[in-house]
Structures are given as C-alpha cells and as structure tokens.
Amino acid sequence: MAFWTQLGLLLWKNFTYRRRQTFQLLIEVAWPLFIFFILISVRLSYPPYEQHECHFPNKAMPSAGTLPWIQGIICNANNPCFRYPTPGESPGIVGNFNASIVSRLFSDAKRLLLYSQQDTSIKDVQKVLGKLRKLGNSSGLDLKLRDFLVDNETFSDFLHHNVPMPPSAVDELMNAGVNFQQV
C-alpha cells in the first residue's frame, strides 16, 4: 500500500471514532481550552514586573584558602542583591578582605613561620606580637570596624558607593565598636 492510502484510511478511522464518541471529543477539546484560559486569567491579573540584574558579593571557594572561604561565608551569609557590579567581580580578586586585620595577622604569621630560617628579622616578630596583643587586649570599644578594613579597598569602597545609605550612616557603621570575644 502507498503512504497516502494508509494515511487516508487512518484519518477516516479516527474521524469515524470521534463522530461516535461525541462526549469524549468535547472533553478532549474543552479541557486544554479551559487550562489555557486559566493561564491567560492568571497572566492578566498578575502582570510581569521588571527586575533589575542582580550582582552578588563574591565568595571564595575552599581552594582559595580557609580564611577567605570562611570570611566569604560569614560576611555574605544573607546573599544581598545589588543593582551595580560589586568590587569583587573584577578578575583576580578572591576576597574583599585582603587587608583586614585578621588576614594581615595570618599573612604575617605565615611569612614569619615559613621564612624564619632565611629572615630572622625582629620587626616581623614584633608586628605579629603587636597584633596579637591588640586582639587579646580588646575589650570591645578600642577595636572598631574601620580597624579591620582598609580605606578605599573593595569592601569599604563598596559601603561608600553601592549601599544606599547616607555617608554619615556609613561612617557610623565604620566607627562601630567590635567586641572580639563575641565575634
């Protein structure tokens, strides 16, 4: 048999079956139309709204090191969405916390411990001990958030330019006391 003959017989059989089952035919036509009209009514009652693009603060992966990874998790726990690109989106920046007091303490201690055979500088030891003393003696009011950040670095620049707060509120936030024992 030819293709067109088989197709014609199949269509005739389908037409005959549909003509005999009128209620089933009505259900098969009405059900998709009913669902389609529900979708149209939902779309008309809740029109779409324009959402700006989202830029999230960067989070370091565990391969970047334990300290940047933990700082990224703690400082960006609520996943804020910003309208403009964040400073950490530029290539080569792993964390926004490179010059924080904790990062500097770890980098100084690492340099001291790894290169202690080659460099026996007393200044490095005094730096590390001074930072440890400052952290140990902190009662909460002598350490401010500004001590943990460097001016015009990624996070402090981000606070000044991307957060919709007045400059006085940002300065008040930067001068807030940090209690190291509670942290």
C-alpha atoms as a PDB file:
ATOM      1  CA  MET A   1       0.000   0.000   0.000  1.00  0.00           C
ATOM      2  CA  ALA A   2       1.119   3.512  -0.665  1.00  0.00           C
ATOM      3  CA  PHE A   3       1.775   6.029   2.050  1.00  0.00           C
ATOM      4  CA  TRP A   4      -1.134   8.304   1.107  1.00  0.00           C
ATOM      5  CA  THR A   5      -3.604   5.429   1.097  1.00  0.00           C
ATOM      6  CA  GLN A   6      -2.551   4.368   4.626  1.00  0.00           C
ATOM      7  CA  LEU A   7      -2.751   7.951   5.855  1.00  0.00           C
ATOM      8  CA  GLY A   8      -6.234   8.418   4.347  1.00  0.00           C
ATOM      9  CA  LEU A   9      -7.512   5.188   5.951  1.00  0.00           C
ATOM     10  CA  LEU A  10      -6.056   6.167   9.335  1.00  0.00           C
ATOM     11  CA  LEU A  11      -7.701   9.607   9.191  1.00  0.00           C
ATOM     12  CA  TRP A  12     -11.056   8.048   8.166  1.00  0.00           C
ATOM     13  CA  LYS A  13     -10.842   5.606  11.089  1.00  0.00           C
ATOM     14  CA  ASN A  14     -10.039   8.437  13.537  1.00  0.00           C
ATOM     15  CA  PHE A  15     -12.879  10.609  12.165  1.00  0.00           C
ATOM     16  CA  THR A  16     -15.364   7.741  12.497  1.00  0.00           C
ATOM     17  CA  TYR A  17     -14.260   7.004  16.086  1.00  0.00           C
ATOM     18  CA  ARG A  18     -14.549  10.681  17.077  1.00  0.00           C
ATOM     19  CA  ARG A  19     -18.003  11.006  15.484  1.00  0.00           C
ATOM     20  CA  ARG A  20     -19.305   8.083  17.557  1.00  0.00           C
ATOM     21  CA  GLN A  21     -17.815   9.358  20.886  1.00  0.00           C
ATOM     22  CA  THR A  22     -19.118  12.951  20.990  1.00  0.00           C
ATOM     23  CA  PHE A  23     -18.830  13.437  24.769  1.00  0.00           C
ATOM     24  CA  GLN A  24     -15.188  12.287  24.767  1.00  0.00           C
ATOM     25  CA  LEU A  25     -14.492  14.598  21.825  1.00  0.00           C
ATOM     26  CA  LEU A  26     -15.971  17.570  23.698  1.00  0.00           C
ATOM     27  CA  ILE A  27     -13.851  16.810  26.796  1.00  0.00           C
ATOM     28  CA  GLU A  28     -10.698  16.447  24.690  1.00  0.00           C
ATOM     29  CA  VAL A  29     -11.291  19.848  23.091  1.00  0.00           C
ATOM     30  CA  ALA A  30     -12.632  21.690  26.163  1.00  0.00           C
ATOM     31  CA  TRP A  31     -10.018  20.593  28.727  1.00  0.00           C
ATOM     32  CA  PRO A  32      -6.959  22.182  27.024  1.00  0.00           C
ATOM     33  CA  LEU A  33      -9.010  25.320  26.291  1.00  0.00           C
ATOM     34  CA  PHE A  34     -10.042  25.506  29.958  1.00  0.00           C
ATOM     35  CA  ILE A  35      -6.418  25.272  31.136  1.00  0.00           C
ATOM     36  CA  PHE A  36      -5.358  27.824  28.522  1.00  0.00           C
ATOM     37  CA  PHE A  37      -7.967  30.321  29.751  1.00  0.00           C
ATOM     38  CA  ILE A  38      -6.836  29.800  33.342  1.00  0.00           C
ATOM     39  CA  LEU A  39      -3.281  30.676  32.289  1.00  0.00           C
ATOM     40  CA  ILE A  40      -4.497  33.784  30.471  1.00  0.00           C
ATOM     41  CA  SER A  41      -6.514  34.958  33.504  1.00  0.00           C
ATOM     42  CA  VAL A  42      -3.543  34.470  35.840  1.00  0.00           C
ATOM     43  CA  ARG A  43      -1.273  36.384  33.476  1.00  0.00           C
ATOM     44  CA  LEU A  44      -3.751  39.271  33.213  1.00  0.00           C
ATOM     45  CA  SER A  45      -4.327  39.505  36.973  1.00  0.00           C
ATOM     46  CA  TYR A  46      -0.574  39.353  37.822  1.00  0.00           C
ATOM     47  CA  PRO A  47       1.327  41.190  35.100  1.00  0.00           C
ATOM     48  CA  PRO A  48       5.103  40.653  34.972  1.00  0.00           C
ATOM     49  CA  TYR A  49       7.308  43.276  36.574  1.00  0.00           C
ATOM     50  CA  GLU A  50      10.746  44.420  35.540  1.00  0.00           C
ATOM     51  CA  GLN A  51      13.511  43.091  37.793  1.00  0.00           C
ATOM     52  CA  HIS A  52      16.960  44.655  37.687  1.00  0.00           C
ATOM     53  CA  GLU A  53      20.001  42.489  37.203  1.00  0.00           C
ATOM     54  CA  CYS A  54      21.489  41.062  40.373  1.00  0.00           C
ATOM     55  CA  HIS A  55      25.124  41.381  41.414  1.00  0.00           C
ATOM     56  CA  PHE A  56      26.163  39.340  44.419  1.00  0.00           C
ATOM     57  CA  PRO A  57      29.268  39.839  46.572  1.00  0.00           C
ATOM     58  CA  ASN A  58      31.924  37.324  45.715  1.00  0.00           C
ATOM     59  CA  LYS A  59      32.550  34.296  47.873  1.00  0.00           C
ATOM     60  CA  ALA A  60      35.847  32.480  47.775  1.00  0.00           C
ATOM     61  CA  MET A  61      35.906  28.763  47.110  1.00  0.00           C
ATOM     62  CA  PRO A  62      37.644  26.443  49.614  1.00  0.00           C
ATOM     63  CA  SER A  63      40.584  26.110  47.225  1.00  0.00           C
ATOM     64  CA  ALA A  64      41.360  29.834  47.732  1.00  0.00           C
ATOM     65  CA  GLY A  65      42.291  29.113  51.341  1.00  0.00           C
ATOM     66  CA  THR A  66      40.473  28.519  54.569  1.00  0.00           C
ATOM     67  CA  LEU A  67      40.452  32.129  55.761  1.00  0.00           C
ATOM     68  CA  PRO A  68      38.978  33.727  52.579  1.00  0.00           C
ATOM     69  CA  TRP A  69      36.457  30.898  52.348  1.00  0.00           C
ATOM     70  CA  ILE A  70      35.216  31.362  55.938  1.00  0.00           C
ATOM     71  CA  GLN A  71      35.207  35.172  55.601  1.00  0.00           C
ATOM     72  CA  GLY A  72      33.124  34.879  52.422  1.00  0.00           C
ATOM     73  CA  ILE A  73      30.611  32.602  54.115  1.00  0.00           C
ATOM     74  CA  ILE A  74      30.239  34.700  57.261  1.00  0.00           C
ATOM     75  CA  CYS A  75      30.194  38.158  55.692  1.00  0.00           C
ATOM     76  CA  ASN A  76      27.847  37.283  52.804  1.00  0.00           C
ATOM     77  CA  ALA A  77      25.500  34.904  54.594  1.00  0.00           C
ATOM     78  CA  ASN A  78      22.303  36.711  53.577  1.00  0.00           C
ATOM     79  CA  ASN A  79      23.219  36.907  49.830  1.00  0.00           C
ATOM     80  CA  PRO A  80      22.335  40.552  49.170  1.00  0.00           C
ATOM     81  CA  CYS A  81      21.414  41.553  45.610  1.00  0.00           C
ATOM     82  CA  PHE A  82      22.847  44.821  44.274  1.00  0.00           C
ATOM     83  CA  ARG A  83      21.955  46.821  41.194  1.00  0.00           C
ATOM     84  CA  TYR A  84      25.533  47.611  40.189  1.00  0.00           C
ATOM     85  CA  PRO A  85      28.620  45.380  39.850  1.00  0.00           C
ATOM     86  CA  THR A  86      30.355  44.667  43.128  1.00  0.00           C
ATOM     87  CA  PRO A  87      34.088  45.284  43.559  1.00  0.00           C
ATOM     88  CA  GLY A  88      34.792  41.563  43.850  1.00  0.00           C
ATOM     89  CA  GLU A  89      33.550  40.872  40.306  1.00  0.00           C
ATOM     90  CA  SER A  90      36.738  42.117  38.701  1.00  0.00           C
ATOM     91  CA  PRO A  91      39.098  39.317  37.627  1.00  0.00           C
ATOM     92  CA  GLY A  92      41.779  38.177  40.019  1.00  0.00           C
ATOM     93  CA  ILE A  93      40.092  39.283  43.256  1.00  0.00           C
ATOM     94  CA  VAL A  94      39.456  36.333  45.535  1.00  0.00           C
ATOM     95  CA  GLY A  95      38.049  38.091  48.578  1.00  0.00           C
ATOM     96  CA  ASN A  96      37.098  41.550  49.757  1.00  0.00           C
ATOM     97  CA  PHE A  97      39.007  41.024  52.983  1.00  0.00           C
ATOM     98  CA  ASN A  98      42.650  41.002  51.824  1.00  0.00           C
ATOM     99  CA  ALA A  99      43.769  43.831  54.085  1.00  0.00           C
ATOM    100  CA  SER A 100      41.645  43.098  57.147  1.00  0.00           C
ATOM    101  CA  ILE A 101      43.431  42.798  60.467  1.00  0.00           C
ATOM    102  CA  VAL A 102      42.793  39.046  60.644  1.00  0.00           C
ATOM    103  CA  SER A 103      44.152  38.497  57.124  1.00  0.00           C
ATOM    104  CA  ARG A 104      47.215  40.602  57.860  1.00  0.00           C
ATOM    105  CA  LEU A 105      47.789  38.678  61.088  1.00  0.00           C
ATOM    106  CA  PHE A 106      47.665  35.354  59.255  1.00  0.00           C
ATOM    107  CA  SER A 107      49.865  36.560  56.395  1.00  0.00           C
ATOM    108  CA  ASP A 108      52.465  37.944  58.815  1.00  0.00           C
ATOM    109  CA  ALA A 109      52.444  34.750  60.858  1.00  0.00           C
ATOM    110  CA  LYS A 110      52.721  32.646  57.690  1.00  0.00           C
ATOM    111  CA  ARG A 111      55.634  34.700  56.389  1.00  0.00           C
ATOM    112  CA  LEU A 112      57.334  34.529  59.771  1.00  0.00           C
ATOM    113  CA  LEU A 113      56.891  30.780  60.141  1.00  0.00           C
ATOM    114  CA  LEU A 114      57.706  29.792  56.565  1.00  0.00           C
ATOM    115  CA  TYR A 115      60.739  32.004  56.061  1.00  0.00           C
ATOM    116  CA  SER A 116      62.094  32.072  59.587  1.00  0.00           C
ATOM    117  CA  GLN A 117      65.280  30.249  58.504  1.00  0.00           C
ATOM    118  CA  GLN A 118      66.067  32.840  55.816  1.00  0.00           C
ATOM    119  CA  ASP A 119      64.857  36.026  57.511  1.00  0.00           C
ATOM    120  CA  THR A 120      65.468  36.433  61.221  1.00  0.00           C
ATOM    121  CA  SER A 121      64.036  39.923  61.398  1.00  0.00           C
ATOM    122  CA  ILE A 122      62.922  41.069  64.811  1.00  0.00           C
ATOM    123  CA  LYS A 123      60.496  43.500  63.186  1.00  0.00           C
ATOM    124  CA  ASP A 124      58.311  40.678  61.865  1.00  0.00           C
ATOM    125  CA  VAL A 125      58.114  39.105  65.308  1.00  0.00           C
ATOM    126  CA  GLN A 126      57.240  42.455  66.856  1.00  0.00           C
ATOM    127  CA  LYS A 127      54.491  43.035  64.236  1.00  0.00           C
ATOM    128  CA  VAL A 128      52.875  39.688  64.920  1.00  0.00           C
ATOM    129  CA  LEU A 129      53.132  40.085  68.687  1.00  0.00           C
ATOM    130  CA  GLY A 130      51.724  43.620  68.493  1.00  0.00           C
ATOM    131  CA  LYS A 131      48.722  42.463  66.500  1.00  0.00           C
ATOM    132  CA  LEU A 132      48.157  39.528  68.825  1.00  0.00           C
ATOM    133  CA  ARG A 133      48.407  41.845  71.821  1.00  0.00           C
ATOM    134  CA  LYS A 134      45.930  44.251  70.229  1.00  0.00           C
ATOM    135  CA  LEU A 135      43.482  41.410  69.592  1.00  0.00           C
ATOM    136  CA  GLY A 136      43.936  39.936  73.074  1.00  0.00           C
ATOM    137  CA  ASN A 137      43.573  43.243  74.914  1.00  0.00           C
ATOM    138  CA  SER A 138      40.483  44.341  73.018  1.00  0.00           C
ATOM    139  CA  SER A 139      37.639  44.960  75.416  1.00  0.00           C
ATOM    140  CA  GLY A 140      35.212  45.813  72.606  1.00  0.00           C
ATOM    141  CA  LEU A 141      35.422  49.592  72.465  1.00  0.00           C
ATOM    142  CA  ASP A 142      39.041  50.030  71.378  1.00  0.00           C
ATOM    143  CA  LEU A 143      38.637  47.958  68.189  1.00  0.00           C
ATOM    144  CA  LYS A 144      36.419  49.469  65.518  1.00  0.00           C
ATOM    145  CA  LEU A 145      35.198  48.005  62.250  1.00  0.00           C
ATOM    146  CA  ARG A 146      37.464  50.518  60.500  1.00  0.00           C
ATOM    147  CA  ASP A 147      40.477  48.692  62.042  1.00  0.00           C
ATOM    148  CA  PHE A 148      39.529  45.552  60.177  1.00  0.00           C
ATOM    149  CA  LEU A 149      39.187  47.307  56.811  1.00  0.00           C
ATOM    150  CA  VAL A 150      41.499  49.466  54.733  1.00  0.00           C
ATOM    151  CA  ASP A 151      40.212  52.737  53.241  1.00  0.00           C
ATOM    152  CA  ASN A 152      39.404  52.581  49.525  1.00  0.00           C
ATOM    153  CA  GLU A 153      39.695  48.800  49.496  1.00  0.00           C
ATOM    154  CA  THR A 154      36.946  46.735  47.973  1.00  0.00           C
ATOM    155  CA  PHE A 155      34.576  46.412  50.958  1.00  0.00           C
ATOM    156  CA  SER A 156      34.934  49.951  52.322  1.00  0.00           C
ATOM    157  CA  ASP A 157      34.620  51.363  48.788  1.00  0.00           C
ATOM    158  CA  PHE A 158      31.554  49.174  48.342  1.00  0.00           C
ATOM    159  CA  LEU A 159      29.985  50.612  51.511  1.00  0.00           C
ATOM    160  CA  HIS A 160      30.570  54.174  50.324  1.00  0.00           C
ATOM    161  CA  HIS A 161      29.364  53.775  46.724  1.00  0.00           C
ATOM    162  CA  ASN A 162      26.958  50.838  46.328  1.00  0.00           C
ATOM    163  CA  VAL A 163      24.983  50.687  49.578  1.00  0.00           C
ATOM    164  CA  PRO A 164      22.014  53.110  49.517  1.00  0.00           C
ATOM    165  CA  MET A 165      22.851  54.738  52.860  1.00  0.00           C
ATOM    166  CA  PRO A 166      23.835  58.327  53.671  1.00  0.00           C
ATOM    167  CA  PRO A 167      27.592  58.893  54.205  1.00  0.00           C
ATOM    168  CA  SER A 168      27.036  59.687  57.889  1.00  0.00           C
ATOM    169  CA  ALA A 169      25.443  56.250  58.414  1.00  0.00           C
ATOM    170  CA  VAL A 170      28.346  54.557  56.612  1.00  0.00           C
ATOM    171  CA  ASP A 171      30.860  56.448  58.794  1.00  0.00           C
ATOM    172  CA  GLU A 172      28.896  55.499  61.899  1.00  0.00           C
ATOM    173  CA  LEU A 173      28.955  51.873  60.780  1.00  0.00           C
ATOM    174  CA  MET A 174      32.702  52.019  60.112  1.00  0.00           C
ATOM    175  CA  ASN A 175      33.296  53.514  63.603  1.00  0.00           C
ATOM    176  CA  ALA A 176      31.179  50.885  65.357  1.00  0.00           C
ATOM    177  CA  GLY A 177      32.974  49.021  68.140  1.00  0.00           C
ATOM    178  CA  VAL A 178      33.778  45.340  67.724  1.00  0.00           C
ATOM    179  CA  ASN A 179      33.926  43.014  70.697  1.00  0.00           C
ATOM    180  CA  PHE A 180      36.407  40.336  69.719  1.00  0.00           C
ATOM    181  CA  GLN A 181      35.243  37.874  72.365  1.00  0.00           C
ATOM    182  CA  GLN A 182      31.676  37.945  70.988  1.00  0.00           C
ATOM    183  CA  VAL A 183      32.882  37.620  67.395  1.00  0.00           C
END
